Amino acid sequence: MNVLLFFHIQVHYYVQSHIQINEYRDRVLLPSMSKKNGRPITTCVKVLDMTGLKLSALSQIKLVTIISTIDDLNYPEKTNTYYVVNAPYIFSACWKVVKPLLQERTRKKVHVLSGCGRDELLKIMDITSLPHFCRRGSSGSSHHTEGVDCFSFDHPFHQQLYNYVKHHYETQGHAEPAKQGSFHVGFPEPEAEIAKTIESELHKFENCNDLCQPAYDRKDVHETL
């Protein structure tokens, strides 16, 4: 998922999309993978791509905490880890300050990887499952390798998801949602303390010359949180 796309739409639209993907995962993907592998598969990992993130959009860093909190409240134990990749230095610096303010469950699940995260991600998934934005030769190299653009609407996953949502809407119509289960999704309000801390950190970096320098080019931020 490219987090930069979030900044061009309103929060509730992104949340709606996030919930649709979660429902599709639980109702279609996980059962299908369980059947294919002959064993229960009940969890997943999520990779958040920060490519192109700039200072003007960084105040929306709360997106990471919002989606992880939504998942914890409504889809507990479904997402093992959130991996943040291609994060610029400014994001990594702000994250260090915001992290202590988060709930322990959220802190443990969010990991900011060095560069594109290829080396770390290949420890938990095979190359065919690696997102195209993580397919560099090694962490810190400057070019992506060939791969299917997983942001494209033409990607099989998006086509299947669209058809599933469309079919569900056509068959369910405008029926009232069930009063139980994950359709009633709790949406957390942004924490005032977190927002204030982010704003304070942004002011510190406003005049910094290396705002957009990638984290993998900075030796002082080569760490996995």
Protein backbone atom coordinates (compact mmCIF):
# COMPACT_ATOMS: atom_id res chain seq x y z
CA MET A 1 0.00 0.00 0.00
CA ASN A 2 1.35 3.43 -0.95
CA VAL A 3 0.53 5.74 1.93
CA LEU A 4 1.06 8.81 -0.27
CA LEU A 5 -2.20 8.01 -2.08
CA PHE A 6 -4.01 8.55 1.22
CA PHE A 7 -3.21 12.26 1.24
CA HIS A 8 -5.28 12.90 -1.89
CA ILE A 9 -8.52 11.50 -0.46
CA GLN A 10 -10.50 12.07 2.70
CA VAL A 11 -9.83 9.84 5.68
CA HIS A 12 -13.23 8.12 5.70
CA TYR A 13 -12.83 7.04 2.06
CA TYR A 14 -9.49 5.46 2.81
CA VAL A 15 -10.89 3.77 5.91
CA GLN A 16 -13.78 2.38 3.85
CA SER A 17 -11.32 0.91 1.37
CA HIS A 18 -9.20 -0.51 4.18
CA ILE A 19 -12.24 -2.20 5.74
CA GLN A 20 -13.33 -3.63 2.38
CA ILE A 21 -9.90 -5.17 1.92
CA ASN A 22 -9.99 -6.62 5.43
CA GLU A 23 -13.41 -8.17 4.82
CA TYR A 24 -12.25 -9.59 1.48
CA ARG A 25 -9.17 -11.01 3.18
CA ASP A 26 -11.21 -12.72 5.92
CA ARG A 27 -14.02 -13.99 3.69
CA VAL A 28 -12.10 -14.93 0.53
CA LEU A 29 -8.30 -14.79 0.70
CA LEU A 30 -7.56 -16.55 3.99
CA PRO A 31 -10.09 -19.39 3.43
CA SER A 32 -8.73 -19.84 -0.11
CA MET A 33 -5.11 -19.96 1.08
CA SER A 34 -6.03 -22.35 3.90
CA LYS A 35 -7.65 -24.71 1.41
CA LYS A 36 -4.72 -24.43 -1.01
CA ASN A 37 -2.10 -25.16 1.66
CA GLY A 38 -4.09 -27.78 3.55
CA ARG A 39 -3.76 -25.97 6.88
CA PRO A 40 -5.40 -23.01 8.63
CA ILE A 41 -4.01 -19.63 7.54
CA THR A 42 -5.59 -16.92 9.67
CA THR A 43 -3.17 -13.97 9.73
CA CYS A 44 -1.27 -11.65 7.40
CA VAL A 45 1.36 -8.91 7.32
CA LYS A 46 0.93 -5.45 5.77
CA VAL A 47 3.64 -3.48 3.97
CA LEU A 48 3.24 0.33 3.91
CA ASP A 49 5.17 2.14 1.15
CA MET A 50 6.29 5.68 2.10
CA THR A 51 7.80 6.49 -1.32
CA GLY A 52 7.25 10.16 -2.18
CA LEU A 53 6.25 11.21 1.33
CA LYS A 54 7.05 14.91 1.80
CA LEU A 55 6.98 17.30 4.73
CA SER A 56 3.67 18.81 3.61
CA ALA A 57 1.97 15.43 4.05
CA LEU A 58 3.83 14.16 7.08
CA SER A 59 1.31 15.59 9.53
CA GLN A 60 -0.87 12.67 8.40
CA ILE A 61 1.58 10.18 9.92
CA LYS A 62 -1.36 9.31 12.19
CA LEU A 63 -2.61 7.13 9.31
CA VAL A 64 -0.33 4.33 10.50
CA THR A 65 -1.78 4.51 13.99
CA ILE A 66 -5.37 4.81 12.72
CA ILE A 67 -5.30 1.69 10.55
CA SER A 68 -3.44 -0.37 13.14
CA THR A 69 -5.95 0.69 15.82
CA ILE A 70 -8.90 -0.10 13.54
CA ASP A 71 -7.44 -3.55 12.98
CA ASP A 72 -6.81 -4.10 16.69
CA LEU A 73 -10.35 -3.05 17.64
CA ASN A 74 -12.23 -4.87 14.89
CA TYR A 75 -9.92 -7.53 13.45
CA PRO A 76 -7.86 -8.65 16.45
CA GLU A 77 -4.97 -10.99 15.78
CA LYS A 78 -5.48 -10.87 12.01
CA THR A 79 -2.44 -8.69 11.22
CA ASN A 80 0.82 -9.86 12.73
CA THR A 81 3.02 -6.94 11.66
CA TYR A 82 2.96 -3.64 9.77
CA TYR A 83 6.20 -3.05 7.85
CA VAL A 84 6.99 0.54 6.83
CA VAL A 85 9.39 0.77 3.87
CA ASN A 86 11.00 3.50 1.75
CA ALA A 87 10.58 5.93 4.64
CA PRO A 88 12.39 9.29 4.36
CA TYR A 89 14.56 10.39 7.26
CA ILE A 90 11.95 12.84 8.55
CA PHE A 91 9.41 10.02 8.98
CA SER A 92 11.87 7.86 10.91
CA ALA A 93 12.78 10.78 13.16
CA CYS A 94 9.13 11.62 13.92
CA TRP A 95 8.27 7.97 14.45
CA LYS A 96 10.87 7.68 17.21
CA VAL A 97 9.09 10.47 19.09
CA VAL A 98 5.53 9.27 18.44
CA LYS A 99 6.18 5.59 19.13
CA PRO A 100 6.31 5.89 22.97
CA LEU A 101 2.84 7.52 22.93
CA LEU A 102 1.18 4.53 21.26
CA GLN A 103 -0.40 1.54 22.94
CA GLU A 104 2.01 -1.31 23.52
CA ARG A 105 0.17 -3.62 21.12
CA THR A 106 0.55 -1.08 18.32
CA ARG A 107 4.20 -0.36 19.10
CA LYS A 108 5.08 -4.03 18.87
CA LYS A 109 3.34 -4.48 15.53
CA VAL A 110 4.82 -1.54 13.58
CA HIS A 111 8.35 -1.98 12.21
CA VAL A 112 10.16 0.70 10.20
CA LEU A 113 12.60 -1.10 7.89
CA SER A 114 15.78 0.22 6.32
CA GLY A 115 15.32 1.29 2.71
CA CYS A 116 12.97 -0.81 0.63
CA GLY A 117 13.07 -3.55 3.28
CA ARG A 118 13.83 -6.27 0.74
CA ASP A 119 16.38 -8.16 2.86
CA GLU A 120 14.18 -8.20 5.98
CA LEU A 121 10.98 -9.08 4.12
CA LEU A 122 12.63 -12.00 2.33
CA LYS A 123 13.12 -13.58 5.75
CA ILE A 124 9.34 -13.96 6.11
CA MET A 125 8.12 -14.28 2.50
CA ASP A 126 9.37 -15.61 -0.82
CA ILE A 127 10.37 -13.38 -3.73
CA THR A 128 7.09 -13.96 -5.58
CA SER A 129 5.16 -12.39 -2.68
CA LEU A 130 7.43 -9.35 -2.41
CA PRO A 131 5.66 -6.08 -3.39
CA HIS A 132 7.10 -4.41 -6.49
CA PHE A 133 8.21 -1.36 -4.46
CA CYS A 134 10.44 -3.64 -2.37
CA ARG A 135 12.12 -5.38 -5.31
CA ARG A 136 15.43 -3.54 -5.31
CA GLY A 137 18.66 -5.46 -5.75
CA SER A 138 19.34 -4.95 -2.05
CA SER A 139 18.22 -2.52 0.62
CA GLY A 140 19.40 0.92 -0.37
CA SER A 141 19.86 0.43 -4.12
CA SER A 142 18.32 3.10 -6.27
CA HIS A 143 16.19 1.25 -8.80
CA HIS A 144 13.28 -1.15 -8.66
CA THR A 145 13.53 -4.41 -10.53
CA GLU A 146 10.86 -5.58 -12.92
CA GLY A 147 7.65 -6.52 -11.19
CA VAL A 148 3.89 -6.20 -11.36
CA ASP A 149 2.67 -2.81 -10.14
CA CYS A 150 0.49 -3.77 -7.18
CA PHE A 151 -1.02 -0.25 -7.14
CA SER A 152 -2.46 -0.65 -10.63
CA PHE A 153 -6.18 -1.28 -10.97
CA ASP A 154 -5.24 -3.87 -13.61
CA HIS A 155 -3.54 -5.98 -10.94
CA PRO A 156 -5.47 -9.26 -10.49
CA PHE A 157 -6.01 -8.57 -6.78
CA HIS A 158 -7.75 -5.25 -7.43
CA GLN A 159 -9.85 -6.73 -10.21
CA GLN A 160 -10.96 -9.58 -7.94
CA LEU A 161 -11.63 -7.23 -5.03
CA TYR A 162 -13.66 -4.87 -7.23
CA ASN A 163 -15.75 -7.73 -8.61
CA TYR A 164 -16.32 -9.09 -5.10
CA VAL A 165 -17.45 -5.72 -3.71
CA LYS A 166 -19.61 -5.06 -6.77
CA HIS A 167 -21.27 -8.49 -6.50
CA HIS A 168 -21.85 -8.01 -2.77
CA TYR A 169 -23.47 -4.61 -3.36
CA GLU A 170 -25.67 -5.90 -6.19
CA THR A 171 -26.87 -8.89 -4.18
CA GLN A 172 -27.29 -7.05 -0.87
CA GLY A 173 -28.65 -3.82 -2.31
CA HIS A 174 -29.34 -1.14 0.27
CA ALA A 175 -30.08 -3.55 3.09
CA GLU A 176 -29.26 -2.41 6.61
CA PRO A 177 -25.89 -3.72 7.87
CA ALA A 178 -25.89 -6.51 10.40
CA LYS A 179 -25.78 -5.32 14.00
CA GLN A 180 -22.90 -7.59 14.88
CA GLY A 181 -19.56 -8.68 13.52
CA SER A 182 -16.87 -6.64 11.81
CA PHE A 183 -19.25 -4.61 9.61
CA HIS A 184 -19.66 -2.23 12.57
CA VAL A 185 -16.11 -0.98 12.59
CA GLY A 186 -14.90 1.32 15.32
CA PHE A 187 -13.02 4.35 14.00
CA PRO A 188 -10.56 5.78 16.55
CA GLU A 189 -10.30 9.52 17.03
CA PRO A 190 -6.77 10.89 16.51
CA GLU A 191 -4.96 11.24 19.81
CA ALA A 192 -4.49 14.92 20.64
CA GLU A 193 -1.12 14.27 22.28
CA ILE A 194 0.14 12.40 19.23
CA ALA A 195 -1.00 15.15 16.86
CA LYS A 196 0.63 17.83 19.03
CA THR A 197 3.90 15.88 19.20
CA ILE A 198 4.00 15.39 15.43
CA GLU A 199 3.40 19.11 14.86
CA SER A 200 6.21 19.99 17.27
CA GLU A 201 8.63 17.64 15.53
CA LEU A 202 7.73 18.99 12.10
CA HIS A 203 8.61 22.52 13.19
CA LYS A 204 12.06 21.28 14.17
CA PHE A 205 12.68 19.95 10.67
CA GLU A 206 11.12 22.73 8.59
CA ASN A 207 14.44 24.34 7.69
CA CYS A 208 16.46 21.14 7.43
CA ASN A 209 18.18 20.68 4.06
CA ASP A 210 17.93 16.90 4.00
CA LEU A 211 14.21 16.49 4.65
CA CYS A 212 13.70 14.19 1.68
CA GLN A 213 16.88 12.17 2.09
CA PRO A 214 15.88 8.49 2.31
CA ALA A 215 16.41 6.73 5.60
CA TYR A 216 18.63 4.14 3.92
CA ASP A 217 21.12 6.88 3.00
CA ARG A 218 21.49 7.90 6.66
CA LYS A 219 23.69 5.73 8.87
CA ASP A 220 22.07 7.08 12.03
CA VAL A 221 18.64 5.67 11.18
CA HIS A 222 19.62 2.20 10.01
CA GLU A 223 17.42 0.33 12.43
CA THR A 224 14.25 -1.69 12.61
CA LEU A 225 11.88 -0.38 15.23
